């Protein structure tokens, strides 16, 4: 499967945070026996293994979180309207009139209701509606929808993807399933003989909602020698600060932070230079906003490098990435898991 097709297919799966386990079987159907093992642990992480042909190999962990932002049904109103609350950091400014899928006893389509500007009170047009005041219109009566949608059901954005100019694509859940798709695609193309160690790709759960996330128990059980965390980063637009954003088609970001391993970070940068892989160094003086802090401090500590894929409109239903950057990310991951220099520096 081509990378763009895999991104669209993977991001279309419903993995609203804490509901990720429901897509495990669908994910397995997307894979063509490219991995030696695939399993799901007790908290919902999906762990895929690519074995190398070496004795006593090091364990290399690659983390891309698999959960996405969404909503949860909190009440059913007259007329079949659903009240919801957020799961993860939704951008509330874009919610009204958006298409959603309600994951009750069966999948239902809905639209988040929007009050026409003609009917809004004076001064209300510029206000963002609080999440607990939004309603999903289902078209069902209250009696019908109560039978179909239990309180606590998940709600996600409808999967719809657009190809833009210059290699850009837009759609939901690129944070972070686009990175997961890149990792799956890249690792499937590497032979066992090329790998520097056994590679554990963790499609981790709960990153959007829990501070330490699902990666901590996964890393504790796997006890890897070193790791790469891959997540999205902020792409530059005219209204964003240059110091905190990346240019699209500028490659990946490599974070320098107190919570990342300095030696592994510098070695990864040198790997990029030697292989002509485009990257930008970013400063993260307190935290990276990713799974890196939890991974770096779990168990006896895992040396970790933090890599970012730039996207626009993060935490909306139309996130935008450039496929050239996605290919760059795949190239870096291939070189990282095949690097004997990094293996010799960090394997016990």
C-alpha atoms as a PDB file:
ATOM      1  CA  UNK A   1       0.000   0.000   0.000  1.00  0.00           C
ATOM      2  CA  UNK A   2       1.331   3.445  -0.923  1.00  0.00           C
ATOM      3  CA  UNK A   3       2.063   5.850   1.930  1.00  0.00           C
ATOM      4  CA  UNK A   4      -0.728   8.310   1.125  1.00  0.00           C
ATOM      5  CA  UNK A   5      -3.298   5.515   0.951  1.00  0.00           C
ATOM      6  CA  UNK A   6      -2.047   4.065   4.239  1.00  0.00           C
ATOM      7  CA  UNK A   7      -2.300   7.476   5.937  1.00  0.00           C
ATOM      8  CA  UNK A   8      -5.905   7.866   4.791  1.00  0.00           C
ATOM      9  CA  UNK A   9      -6.809   4.299   5.783  1.00  0.00           C
ATOM     10  CA  UNK A  10      -5.180   4.429   9.216  1.00  0.00           C
ATOM     11  CA  UNK A  11      -6.497   7.879  10.079  1.00  0.00           C
ATOM     12  CA  UNK A  12     -10.019   6.777   9.128  1.00  0.00           C
ATOM     13  CA  UNK A  13     -10.037   4.243  11.971  1.00  0.00           C
ATOM     14  CA  UNK A  14     -11.909   5.331  15.110  1.00  0.00           C
ATOM     15  CA  UNK A  15      -9.397   5.694  17.928  1.00  0.00           C
ATOM     16  CA  UNK A  16     -10.868   8.402  20.142  1.00  0.00           C
ATOM     17  CA  UNK A  17      -8.721   8.362  23.266  1.00  0.00           C
ATOM     18  CA  UNK A  18      -9.691   5.484  25.619  1.00  0.00           C
ATOM     19  CA  UNK A  19     -11.588   3.780  22.769  1.00  0.00           C
ATOM     20  CA  UNK A  20      -8.480   2.794  20.746  1.00  0.00           C
ATOM     21  CA  UNK A  21      -8.821  -0.940  21.318  1.00  0.00           C
ATOM     22  CA  UNK A  22     -11.900  -1.109  19.097  1.00  0.00           C
ATOM     23  CA  UNK A  23      -9.796  -0.673  15.950  1.00  0.00           C
ATOM     24  CA  UNK A  24      -7.252  -3.414  16.669  1.00  0.00           C
ATOM     25  CA  UNK A  25      -8.799  -5.962  14.281  1.00  0.00           C
ATOM     26  CA  UNK A  26      -9.248  -3.352  11.546  1.00  0.00           C
ATOM     27  CA  UNK A  27      -5.609  -2.349  11.888  1.00  0.00           C
ATOM     28  CA  UNK A  28      -4.459  -5.961  11.512  1.00  0.00           C
ATOM     29  CA  UNK A  29      -6.409  -6.196   8.261  1.00  0.00           C
ATOM     30  CA  UNK A  30      -4.436  -3.242   6.888  1.00  0.00           C
ATOM     31  CA  UNK A  31      -1.102  -4.996   7.465  1.00  0.00           C
ATOM     32  CA  UNK A  32       0.285  -7.608   5.072  1.00  0.00           C
ATOM     33  CA  UNK A  33       2.186  -9.858   7.485  1.00  0.00           C
ATOM     34  CA  UNK A  34       4.990  -7.279   7.482  1.00  0.00           C
ATOM     35  CA  UNK A  35       5.605  -7.719  11.211  1.00  0.00           C
ATOM     36  CA  UNK A  36       6.722 -10.762  13.156  1.00  0.00           C
ATOM     37  CA  UNK A  37       4.295 -10.123  16.015  1.00  0.00           C
ATOM     38  CA  UNK A  38       1.351  -7.855  16.718  1.00  0.00           C
ATOM     39  CA  UNK A  39      -0.411  -7.717  20.058  1.00  0.00           C
ATOM     40  CA  UNK A  40      -2.423  -5.447  22.307  1.00  0.00           C
ATOM     41  CA  UNK A  41      -1.478  -5.003  25.961  1.00  0.00           C
ATOM     42  CA  UNK A  42      -3.697  -4.586  29.011  1.00  0.00           C
ATOM     43  CA  UNK A  43      -4.087  -0.811  28.691  1.00  0.00           C
ATOM     44  CA  UNK A  44      -4.727  -0.777  24.939  1.00  0.00           C
ATOM     45  CA  UNK A  45      -1.302  -0.130  23.384  1.00  0.00           C
ATOM     46  CA  UNK A  46      -0.762  -1.932  20.088  1.00  0.00           C
ATOM     47  CA  UNK A  47       2.764  -3.341  19.863  1.00  0.00           C
ATOM     48  CA  UNK A  48       4.284  -4.531  16.582  1.00  0.00           C
ATOM     49  CA  UNK A  49       7.642  -6.307  16.382  1.00  0.00           C
ATOM     50  CA  UNK A  50      10.174  -6.500  13.555  1.00  0.00           C
ATOM     51  CA  UNK A  51      12.941  -8.970  14.427  1.00  0.00           C
ATOM     52  CA  UNK A  52      16.500  -8.670  13.171  1.00  0.00           C
ATOM     53  CA  UNK A  53      18.800 -11.539  12.247  1.00  0.00           C
ATOM     54  CA  UNK A  54      21.285 -10.989  15.053  1.00  0.00           C
ATOM     55  CA  UNK A  55      22.156 -12.703  18.306  1.00  0.00           C
ATOM     56  CA  UNK A  56      21.339 -10.900  21.565  1.00  0.00           C
ATOM     57  CA  UNK A  57      19.977  -7.889  19.680  1.00  0.00           C
ATOM     58  CA  UNK A  58      19.238  -4.566  21.363  1.00  0.00           C
ATOM     59  CA  UNK A  59      15.628  -3.469  21.695  1.00  0.00           C
ATOM     60  CA  UNK A  60      14.727  -0.318  19.787  1.00  0.00           C
ATOM     61  CA  UNK A  61      11.398   1.284  20.664  1.00  0.00           C
ATOM     62  CA  UNK A  62       9.535   3.584  18.283  1.00  0.00           C
ATOM     63  CA  UNK A  63       6.496   5.359  19.708  1.00  0.00           C
ATOM     64  CA  UNK A  64       3.691   6.968  17.709  1.00  0.00           C
ATOM     65  CA  UNK A  65       0.533   7.490  19.715  1.00  0.00           C
ATOM     66  CA  UNK A  66      -2.600   6.025  18.156  1.00  0.00           C
ATOM     67  CA  UNK A  67      -5.369   7.869  19.979  1.00  0.00           C
ATOM     68  CA  UNK A  68      -7.148  10.925  18.623  1.00  0.00           C
ATOM     69  CA  UNK A  69      -9.170  13.797  20.023  1.00  0.00           C
ATOM     70  CA  UNK A  70     -12.949  13.447  20.089  1.00  0.00           C
ATOM     71  CA  UNK A  71     -16.027  13.733  22.280  1.00  0.00           C
ATOM     72  CA  UNK A  72     -18.202  11.699  24.639  1.00  0.00           C
ATOM     73  CA  UNK A  73     -21.998  11.719  24.881  1.00  0.00           C
ATOM     74  CA  UNK A  74     -23.196  13.087  28.227  1.00  0.00           C
ATOM     75  CA  UNK A  75     -26.971  13.507  27.727  1.00  0.00           C
ATOM     76  CA  UNK A  76     -29.859  13.059  25.297  1.00  0.00           C
ATOM     77  CA  UNK A  77     -32.155  16.049  24.740  1.00  0.00           C
ATOM     78  CA  UNK A  78     -35.629  16.422  23.287  1.00  0.00           C
ATOM     79  CA  UNK A  79     -35.642  16.116  19.523  1.00  0.00           C
ATOM     80  CA  UNK A  80     -32.846  13.561  19.487  1.00  0.00           C
ATOM     81  CA  UNK A  81     -30.066  16.068  20.203  1.00  0.00           C
ATOM     82  CA  UNK A  82     -26.968  14.830  22.041  1.00  0.00           C
ATOM     83  CA  UNK A  83     -24.944  16.791  24.579  1.00  0.00           C
ATOM     84  CA  UNK A  84     -21.215  16.046  24.624  1.00  0.00           C
ATOM     85  CA  UNK A  85     -17.999  16.836  26.403  1.00  0.00           C
ATOM     86  CA  UNK A  86     -14.498  16.887  24.936  1.00  0.00           C
ATOM     87  CA  UNK A  87     -11.941  14.084  24.974  1.00  0.00           C
ATOM     88  CA  UNK A  88      -8.543  15.686  24.497  1.00  0.00           C
ATOM     89  CA  UNK A  89      -7.776  19.254  23.459  1.00  0.00           C
ATOM     90  CA  UNK A  90     -10.456  20.033  20.894  1.00  0.00           C
ATOM     91  CA  UNK A  91     -10.308  23.371  19.094  1.00  0.00           C
ATOM     92  CA  UNK A  92     -13.826  24.519  20.000  1.00  0.00           C
ATOM     93  CA  UNK A  93     -13.750  27.360  17.464  1.00  0.00           C
ATOM     94  CA  UNK A  94     -14.234  24.931  14.560  1.00  0.00           C
ATOM     95  CA  UNK A  95     -16.805  22.560  16.034  1.00  0.00           C
ATOM     96  CA  UNK A  96     -20.120  24.082  14.987  1.00  0.00           C
ATOM     97  CA  UNK A  97     -21.601  22.550  11.798  1.00  0.00           C
ATOM     98  CA  UNK A  98     -18.912  19.827  11.667  1.00  0.00           C
ATOM     99  CA  UNK A  99     -19.761  16.287  10.552  1.00  0.00           C
ATOM    100  CA  UNK A 100     -19.335  13.619  13.209  1.00  0.00           C
ATOM    101  CA  UNK A 101     -19.735   9.892  13.704  1.00  0.00           C
ATOM    102  CA  UNK A 102     -21.403   8.635  16.887  1.00  0.00           C
ATOM    103  CA  UNK A 103     -20.129   5.255  18.056  1.00  0.00           C
ATOM    104  CA  UNK A 104     -23.122   3.874  19.958  1.00  0.00           C
ATOM    105  CA  UNK A 105     -24.600   0.422  19.564  1.00  0.00           C
ATOM    106  CA  UNK A 106     -24.121   1.122  15.872  1.00  0.00           C
ATOM    107  CA  UNK A 107     -22.362   3.903  13.963  1.00  0.00           C
ATOM    108  CA  UNK A 108     -24.550   6.948  13.342  1.00  0.00           C
ATOM    109  CA  UNK A 109     -23.860  10.173  11.480  1.00  0.00           C
ATOM    110  CA  UNK A 110     -24.570  13.533  13.027  1.00  0.00           C
ATOM    111  CA  UNK A 111     -23.894  17.237  12.648  1.00  0.00           C
ATOM    112  CA  UNK A 112     -22.987  19.614  15.447  1.00  0.00           C
ATOM    113  CA  UNK A 113     -25.826  22.124  15.498  1.00  0.00           C
ATOM    114  CA  UNK A 114     -25.139  25.760  14.704  1.00  0.00           C
ATOM    115  CA  UNK A 115     -27.465  28.671  15.532  1.00  0.00           C
ATOM    116  CA  UNK A 116     -27.900  30.924  12.450  1.00  0.00           C
ATOM    117  CA  UNK A 117     -26.382  34.382  12.928  1.00  0.00           C
ATOM    118  CA  UNK A 118     -29.824  35.936  12.376  1.00  0.00           C
ATOM    119  CA  UNK A 119     -31.054  34.303  15.598  1.00  0.00           C
ATOM    120  CA  UNK A 120     -28.081  35.027  17.823  1.00  0.00           C
ATOM    121  CA  UNK A 121     -28.205  37.670  20.496  1.00  0.00           C
ATOM    122  CA  UNK A 122     -26.291  40.914  20.254  1.00  0.00           C
ATOM    123  CA  UNK A 123     -22.596  40.255  20.753  1.00  0.00           C
ATOM    124  CA  UNK A 124     -22.941  36.481  20.542  1.00  0.00           C
ATOM    125  CA  UNK A 125     -21.676  36.104  16.957  1.00  0.00           C
ATOM    126  CA  UNK A 126     -18.035  36.373  17.969  1.00  0.00           C
ATOM    127  CA  UNK A 127     -18.257  34.053  20.970  1.00  0.00           C
ATOM    128  CA  UNK A 128     -17.017  30.468  21.013  1.00  0.00           C
ATOM    129  CA  UNK A 129     -19.752  28.184  22.320  1.00  0.00           C
ATOM    130  CA  UNK A 130     -18.683  26.147  25.384  1.00  0.00           C
ATOM    131  CA  UNK A 131     -18.442  22.432  24.673  1.00  0.00           C
ATOM    132  CA  UNK A 132     -21.191  21.568  27.158  1.00  0.00           C
ATOM    133  CA  UNK A 133     -23.605  23.851  25.285  1.00  0.00           C
ATOM    134  CA  UNK A 134     -23.051  22.245  21.888  1.00  0.00           C
ATOM    135  CA  UNK A 135     -25.623  19.780  20.562  1.00  0.00           C
ATOM    136  CA  UNK A 136     -25.313  17.038  17.955  1.00  0.00           C
ATOM    137  CA  UNK A 137     -28.284  16.786  15.609  1.00  0.00           C
ATOM    138  CA  UNK A 138     -28.967  13.158  14.703  1.00  0.00           C
ATOM    139  CA  UNK A 139     -32.352  13.377  13.001  1.00  0.00           C
ATOM    140  CA  UNK A 140     -33.730  10.778  15.423  1.00  0.00           C
ATOM    141  CA  UNK A 141     -36.346  11.277  18.095  1.00  0.00           C
ATOM    142  CA  UNK A 142     -35.270  11.197  21.738  1.00  0.00           C
ATOM    143  CA  UNK A 143     -36.814   7.754  22.185  1.00  0.00           C
ATOM    144  CA  UNK A 144     -35.012   6.337  19.144  1.00  0.00           C
ATOM    145  CA  UNK A 145     -31.627   7.801  19.973  1.00  0.00           C
ATOM    146  CA  UNK A 146     -31.801   6.627  23.603  1.00  0.00           C
ATOM    147  CA  UNK A 147     -31.994   3.070  22.311  1.00  0.00           C
ATOM    148  CA  UNK A 148     -29.042   3.510  19.977  1.00  0.00           C
ATOM    149  CA  UNK A 149     -26.605   5.735  21.881  1.00  0.00           C
ATOM    150  CA  UNK A 150     -25.822   4.992  25.547  1.00  0.00           C
ATOM    151  CA  UNK A 151     -24.388   7.763  27.704  1.00  0.00           C
ATOM    152  CA  UNK A 152     -20.592   7.568  27.485  1.00  0.00           C
ATOM    153  CA  UNK A 153     -20.522   6.691  23.774  1.00  0.00           C
ATOM    154  CA  UNK A 154     -17.620   8.101  21.781  1.00  0.00           C
ATOM    155  CA  UNK A 155     -17.998  10.712  19.050  1.00  0.00           C
ATOM    156  CA  UNK A 156     -15.356  11.325  16.397  1.00  0.00           C
ATOM    157  CA  UNK A 157     -15.004  13.480  13.325  1.00  0.00           C
ATOM    158  CA  UNK A 158     -16.225  11.996  10.059  1.00  0.00           C
ATOM    159  CA  UNK A 159     -13.302  10.645   8.001  1.00  0.00           C
ATOM    160  CA  UNK A 160     -12.997  12.820   4.921  1.00  0.00           C
ATOM    161  CA  UNK A 161      -9.709  13.518   3.156  1.00  0.00           C
ATOM    162  CA  UNK A 162      -8.692  16.125   0.578  1.00  0.00           C
ATOM    163  CA  UNK A 163      -5.672  16.395  -1.685  1.00  0.00           C
ATOM    164  CA  UNK A 164      -4.378  19.953  -1.936  1.00  0.00           C
ATOM    165  CA  UNK A 165      -1.676  21.446  -4.137  1.00  0.00           C
ATOM    166  CA  UNK A 166       2.072  20.823  -3.882  1.00  0.00           C
ATOM    167  CA  UNK A 167       1.800  17.434  -2.179  1.00  0.00           C
ATOM    168  CA  UNK A 168      -0.365  18.566   0.741  1.00  0.00           C
ATOM    169  CA  UNK A 169      -3.232  16.507   2.128  1.00  0.00           C
ATOM    170  CA  UNK A 170      -5.919  17.422   4.662  1.00  0.00           C
ATOM    171  CA  UNK A 171      -8.150  15.442   7.005  1.00  0.00           C
ATOM    172  CA  UNK A 172      -8.737  14.249  10.546  1.00  0.00           C
ATOM    173  CA  UNK A 173      -6.417  12.472  12.977  1.00  0.00           C
ATOM    174  CA  UNK A 174      -3.050  13.176  11.366  1.00  0.00           C
ATOM    175  CA  UNK A 175      -2.147  13.789  15.029  1.00  0.00           C
ATOM    176  CA  UNK A 176      -0.710  11.229  15.420  1.00  0.00           C
ATOM    177  CA  UNK A 177      -1.892   8.431  13.150  1.00  0.00           C
ATOM    178  CA  UNK A 178      -0.171   9.942  10.116  1.00  0.00           C
ATOM    179  CA  UNK A 179       3.112   9.358  11.969  1.00  0.00           C
ATOM    180  CA  UNK A 180       1.984   5.826  12.795  1.00  0.00           C
ATOM    181  CA  UNK A 181       1.284   5.232   9.100  1.00  0.00           C
ATOM    182  CA  UNK A 182       4.747   6.527   8.166  1.00  0.00           C
ATOM    183  CA  UNK A 183       6.340   4.215  10.734  1.00  0.00           C
ATOM    184  CA  UNK A 184       4.357   1.190   9.575  1.00  0.00           C
ATOM    185  CA  UNK A 185       5.207   1.929   5.947  1.00  0.00           C
ATOM    186  CA  UNK A 186       8.910   2.520   6.610  1.00  0.00           C
ATOM    187  CA  UNK A 187       9.471  -0.525   8.826  1.00  0.00           C
ATOM    188  CA  UNK A 188       7.691  -2.821   6.380  1.00  0.00           C
ATOM    189  CA  UNK A 189      10.273  -1.966   3.697  1.00  0.00           C
ATOM    190  CA  UNK A 190      13.359  -2.941   5.720  1.00  0.00           C
ATOM    191  CA  UNK A 191      14.838  -6.429   5.640  1.00  0.00           C
ATOM    192  CA  UNK A 192      15.682  -8.224   8.872  1.00  0.00           C
ATOM    193  CA  UNK A 193      19.377  -8.219   7.927  1.00  0.00           C
ATOM    194  CA  UNK A 194      19.429  -4.404   7.747  1.00  0.00           C
ATOM    195  CA  UNK A 195      17.984  -3.809  11.210  1.00  0.00           C
ATOM    196  CA  UNK A 196      20.419  -2.923  13.989  1.00  0.00           C
ATOM    197  CA  UNK A 197      18.172  -4.568  16.567  1.00  0.00           C
ATOM    198  CA  UNK A 198      14.671  -5.821  17.227  1.00  0.00           C
ATOM    199  CA  UNK A 199      12.266  -2.931  16.609  1.00  0.00           C
ATOM    200  CA  UNK A 200       9.149  -2.529  18.731  1.00  0.00           C
ATOM    201  CA  UNK A 201       6.693  -0.098  17.169  1.00  0.00           C
ATOM    202  CA  UNK A 202       4.232   1.024  19.849  1.00  0.00           C
ATOM    203  CA  UNK A 203       0.977   2.579  18.695  1.00  0.00           C
ATOM    204  CA  UNK A 204       0.364   3.969  22.141  1.00  0.00           C
ATOM    205  CA  UNK A 205      -2.910   4.872  23.797  1.00  0.00           C
ATOM    206  CA  UNK A 206      -4.146   7.714  26.038  1.00  0.00           C
ATOM    207  CA  UNK A 207      -1.609  10.333  24.906  1.00  0.00           C
ATOM    208  CA  UNK A 208      -4.290  12.970  24.340  1.00  0.00           C
ATOM    209  CA  UNK A 209      -5.924  12.530  27.733  1.00  0.00           C
ATOM    210  CA  UNK A 210      -3.521  11.156  30.355  1.00  0.00           C
ATOM    211  CA  UNK A 211      -0.328  12.939  31.375  1.00  0.00           C
ATOM    212  CA  UNK A 212       1.915   9.872  31.383  1.00  0.00           C
ATOM    213  CA  UNK A 213      -0.068   8.060  28.669  1.00  0.00           C
ATOM    214  CA  UNK A 214      -0.085   4.399  27.757  1.00  0.00           C
ATOM    215  CA  UNK A 215       3.544   4.437  26.652  1.00  0.00           C
ATOM    216  CA  UNK A 216       4.810   4.125  30.250  1.00  0.00           C
ATOM    217  CA  UNK A 217       3.506   0.583  30.915  1.00  0.00           C
ATOM    218  CA  UNK A 218       4.500  -0.473  27.385  1.00  0.00           C
ATOM    219  CA  UNK A 219       8.066   0.712  27.868  1.00  0.00           C
ATOM    220  CA  UNK A 220       8.224  -0.793  31.356  1.00  0.00           C
ATOM    221  CA  UNK A 221       7.290  -4.225  29.989  1.00  0.00           C
ATOM    222  CA  UNK A 222       9.541  -4.029  26.908  1.00  0.00           C
ATOM    223  CA  UNK A 223      12.601  -2.488  28.655  1.00  0.00           C
ATOM    224  CA  UNK A 224      14.122  -1.041  25.452  1.00  0.00           C
ATOM    225  CA  UNK A 225      17.722   0.119  25.098  1.00  0.00           C
ATOM    226  CA  UNK A 226      16.880   3.369  23.301  1.00  0.00           C
ATOM    227  CA  UNK A 227      13.880   4.974  21.662  1.00  0.00           C
ATOM    228  CA  UNK A 228      12.466   7.436  19.185  1.00  0.00           C
ATOM    229  CA  UNK A 229       9.201   9.257  19.908  1.00  0.00           C
ATOM    230  CA  UNK A 230       7.449  10.538  16.792  1.00  0.00           C
ATOM    231  CA  UNK A 231       4.635  13.061  17.053  1.00  0.00           C
ATOM    232  CA  UNK A 232       3.316  15.997  15.069  1.00  0.00           C
ATOM    233  CA  UNK A 233       4.646  19.512  15.451  1.00  0.00           C
ATOM    234  CA  UNK A 234       3.330  22.959  14.523  1.00  0.00           C
ATOM    235  CA  UNK A 235       3.692  23.970  10.870  1.00  0.00           C
ATOM    236  CA  UNK A 236       4.090  27.668  10.096  1.00  0.00           C
ATOM    237  CA  UNK A 237       1.195  29.853   8.948  1.00  0.00           C
ATOM    238  CA  UNK A 238       1.097  33.684   8.698  1.00  0.00           C
ATOM    239  CA  UNK A 239      -0.598  34.006  12.100  1.00  0.00           C
ATOM    240  CA  UNK A 240       1.825  31.827  14.089  1.00  0.00           C
ATOM    241  CA  UNK A 241       5.154  32.742  15.760  1.00  0.00           C
ATOM    242  CA  UNK A 242       8.205  31.756  13.719  1.00  0.00           C
ATOM    243  CA  UNK A 243      10.152  30.581  16.772  1.00  0.00           C
ATOM    244  CA  UNK A 244       7.532  27.940  17.623  1.00  0.00           C
ATOM    245  CA  UNK A 245       6.741  26.625  14.136  1.00  0.00           C
ATOM    246  CA  UNK A 246       8.278  24.737  11.198  1.00  0.00           C
ATOM    247  CA  UNK A 247       8.130  25.269   7.458  1.00  0.00           C
ATOM    248  CA  UNK A 248       6.213  22.672   5.480  1.00  0.00           C
ATOM    249  CA  UNK A 249       8.578  20.767   3.161  1.00  0.00           C
ATOM    250  CA  UNK A 250      11.408  21.660   5.533  1.00  0.00           C
ATOM    251  CA  UNK A 251      11.718  18.125   6.847  1.00  0.00           C
ATOM    252  CA  UNK A 252      11.241  16.895  10.397  1.00  0.00           C
ATOM    253  CA  UNK A 253      11.958  18.561  13.727  1.00  0.00           C
ATOM    254  CA  UNK A 254      14.444  17.279  16.305  1.00  0.00           C
ATOM    255  CA  UNK A 255      13.764  18.556  19.812  1.00  0.00           C
ATOM    256  CA  UNK A 256      16.432  19.725  22.205  1.00  0.00           C
ATOM    257  CA  UNK A 257      15.000  19.514  25.688  1.00  0.00           C
ATOM    258  CA  UNK A 258      16.045  18.663  29.249  1.00  0.00           C
ATOM    259  CA  UNK A 259      13.805  15.587  28.925  1.00  0.00           C
ATOM    260  CA  UNK A 260      15.482  14.170  25.786  1.00  0.00           C
ATOM    261  CA  UNK A 261      18.794  12.318  25.676  1.00  0.00           C
ATOM    262  CA  UNK A 262      21.419  14.789  24.473  1.00  0.00           C
ATOM    263  CA  UNK A 263      23.846  12.248  23.030  1.00  0.00           C
ATOM    264  CA  UNK A 264      21.132  10.346  21.130  1.00  0.00           C
ATOM    265  CA  UNK A 265      19.721  13.637  19.849  1.00  0.00           C
ATOM    266  CA  UNK A 266      23.084  14.799  18.539  1.00  0.00           C
ATOM    267  CA  UNK A 267      23.752  11.407  16.948  1.00  0.00           C
ATOM    268  CA  UNK A 268      20.374  11.552  15.227  1.00  0.00           C
ATOM    269  CA  UNK A 269      21.177  15.000  13.862  1.00  0.00           C
ATOM    270  CA  UNK A 270      24.516  13.725  12.562  1.00  0.00           C
ATOM    271  CA  UNK A 271      22.702  10.791  10.961  1.00  0.00           C
ATOM    272  CA  UNK A 272      20.448  13.280   9.153  1.00  0.00           C
ATOM    273  CA  UNK A 273      23.430  15.258   7.890  1.00  0.00           C
ATOM    274  CA  UNK A 274      25.269  12.170   6.652  1.00  0.00           C
ATOM    275  CA  UNK A 275      22.193  10.893   4.788  1.00  0.00           C
ATOM    276  CA  UNK A 276      20.981  14.304   3.473  1.00  0.00           C
ATOM    277  CA  UNK A 277      17.760  14.102   5.496  1.00  0.00           C
ATOM    278  CA  UNK A 278      16.169  17.523   6.022  1.00  0.00           C
ATOM    279  CA  UNK A 279      15.569  18.508   9.629  1.00  0.00           C
ATOM    280  CA  UNK A 280      15.159  21.563  11.831  1.00  0.00           C
ATOM    281  CA  UNK A 281      16.354  21.831  15.417  1.00  0.00           C
ATOM    282  CA  UNK A 282      13.672  23.075  17.841  1.00  0.00           C
ATOM    283  CA  UNK A 283      14.038  24.202  21.452  1.00  0.00           C
ATOM    284  CA  UNK A 284      11.741  22.658  24.072  1.00  0.00           C
ATOM    285  CA  UNK A 285      13.064  24.143  27.317  1.00  0.00           C
ATOM    286  CA  UNK A 286      10.531  22.545  29.659  1.00  0.00           C
ATOM    287  CA  UNK A 287       8.758  19.685  27.910  1.00  0.00           C
ATOM    288  CA  UNK A 288       8.125  18.464  24.381  1.00  0.00           C
ATOM    289  CA  UNK A 289       4.350  18.024  24.648  1.00  0.00           C
ATOM    290  CA  UNK A 290       4.774  14.392  23.567  1.00  0.00           C
ATOM    291  CA  UNK A 291       5.265  10.974  25.165  1.00  0.00           C
ATOM    292  CA  UNK A 292       8.987  11.631  25.576  1.00  0.00           C
ATOM    293  CA  UNK A 293       8.909  12.635  29.294  1.00  0.00           C
ATOM    294  CA  UNK A 294       7.029   9.485  30.301  1.00  0.00           C
ATOM    295  CA  UNK A 295       9.252   7.258  28.177  1.00  0.00           C
ATOM    296  CA  UNK A 296      12.512   8.856  29.266  1.00  0.00           C
ATOM    297  CA  UNK A 297      11.723   8.421  32.974  1.00  0.00           C
ATOM    298  CA  UNK A 298      10.046   5.003  33.030  1.00  0.00           C
ATOM    299  CA  UNK A 299      11.778   2.085  34.768  1.00  0.00           C
ATOM    300  CA  UNK A 300      15.531   2.579  34.698  1.00  0.00           C
ATOM    301  CA  UNK A 301      15.128   5.328  32.080  1.00  0.00           C
ATOM    302  CA  UNK A 302      15.083   5.023  28.275  1.00  0.00           C
ATOM    303  CA  UNK A 303      17.394   7.301  26.213  1.00  0.00           C
ATOM    304  CA  UNK A 304      14.988   9.027  23.849  1.00  0.00           C
ATOM    305  CA  UNK A 305      15.086  11.319  20.825  1.00  0.00           C
ATOM    306  CA  UNK A 306      11.974  13.370  19.979  1.00  0.00           C
ATOM    307  CA  UNK A 307      11.049  13.773  16.299  1.00  0.00           C
ATOM    308  CA  UNK A 308       8.238  15.947  14.900  1.00  0.00           C
ATOM    309  CA  UNK A 309       6.229  15.946  11.660  1.00  0.00           C
ATOM    310  CA  UNK A 310       4.931  19.465  10.875  1.00  0.00           C
ATOM    311  CA  UNK A 311       1.180  19.847  10.387  1.00  0.00           C
ATOM    312  CA  UNK A 312      -1.168  22.820  10.116  1.00  0.00           C
ATOM    313  CA  UNK A 313      -4.511  23.237  11.910  1.00  0.00           C
ATOM    314  CA  UNK A 314      -3.609  20.811  14.707  1.00  0.00           C
ATOM    315  CA  UNK A 315      -6.531  19.407  16.747  1.00  0.00           C
ATOM    316  CA  UNK A 316      -9.120  20.173  14.083  1.00  0.00           C
ATOM    317  CA  UNK A 317     -10.865  17.883  11.595  1.00  0.00           C
ATOM    318  CA  UNK A 318      -8.785  19.294   8.712  1.00  0.00           C
ATOM    319  CA  UNK A 319      -5.172  18.926   9.751  1.00  0.00           C
ATOM    320  CA  UNK A 320      -2.754  19.480   6.864  1.00  0.00           C
ATOM    321  CA  UNK A 321       0.594  17.825   6.153  1.00  0.00           C
ATOM    322  CA  UNK A 322       2.946  17.599   3.217  1.00  0.00           C
ATOM    323  CA  UNK A 323       3.807  14.166   1.847  1.00  0.00           C
ATOM    324  CA  UNK A 324       7.418  15.209   1.239  1.00  0.00           C
ATOM    325  CA  UNK A 325       7.825  15.729   4.984  1.00  0.00           C
ATOM    326  CA  UNK A 326       6.174  12.356   5.612  1.00  0.00           C
ATOM    327  CA  UNK A 327       8.664  10.695   3.243  1.00  0.00           C
ATOM    328  CA  UNK A 328      11.504  12.492   5.043  1.00  0.00           C
ATOM    329  CA  UNK A 329      10.262  11.133   8.358  1.00  0.00           C
ATOM    330  CA  UNK A 330      10.180   7.624   6.921  1.00  0.00           C
ATOM    331  CA  UNK A 331      13.740   7.993   5.627  1.00  0.00           C
ATOM    332  CA  UNK A 332      14.998   9.102   9.057  1.00  0.00           C
ATOM    333  CA  UNK A 333      13.243   6.233  10.821  1.00  0.00           C
ATOM    334  CA  UNK A 334      14.769   3.693   8.413  1.00  0.00           C
ATOM    335  CA  UNK A 335      18.258   5.048   9.009  1.00  0.00           C
ATOM    336  CA  UNK A 336      17.725   5.246  12.789  1.00  0.00           C
ATOM    337  CA  UNK A 337      16.674   1.617  13.271  1.00  0.00           C
ATOM    338  CA  UNK A 338      19.461   0.420  10.957  1.00  0.00           C
ATOM    339  CA  UNK A 339      22.255   2.529  12.512  1.00  0.00           C
ATOM    340  CA  UNK A 340      25.015   0.383  13.944  1.00  0.00           C
ATOM    341  CA  UNK A 341      26.709   3.516  15.356  1.00  0.00           C
ATOM    342  CA  UNK A 342      23.678   4.274  17.529  1.00  0.00           C
ATOM    343  CA  UNK A 343      23.370   0.617  18.461  1.00  0.00           C
ATOM    344  CA  UNK A 344      26.969   0.452  19.624  1.00  0.00           C
ATOM    345  CA  UNK A 345      26.533   3.639  21.661  1.00  0.00           C
ATOM    346  CA  UNK A 346      23.366   2.620  23.485  1.00  0.00           C
ATOM    347  CA  UNK A 347      23.025  -1.176  23.478  1.00  0.00           C
ATOM    348  CA  UNK A 348      24.101  -2.874  26.690  1.00  0.00           C
END
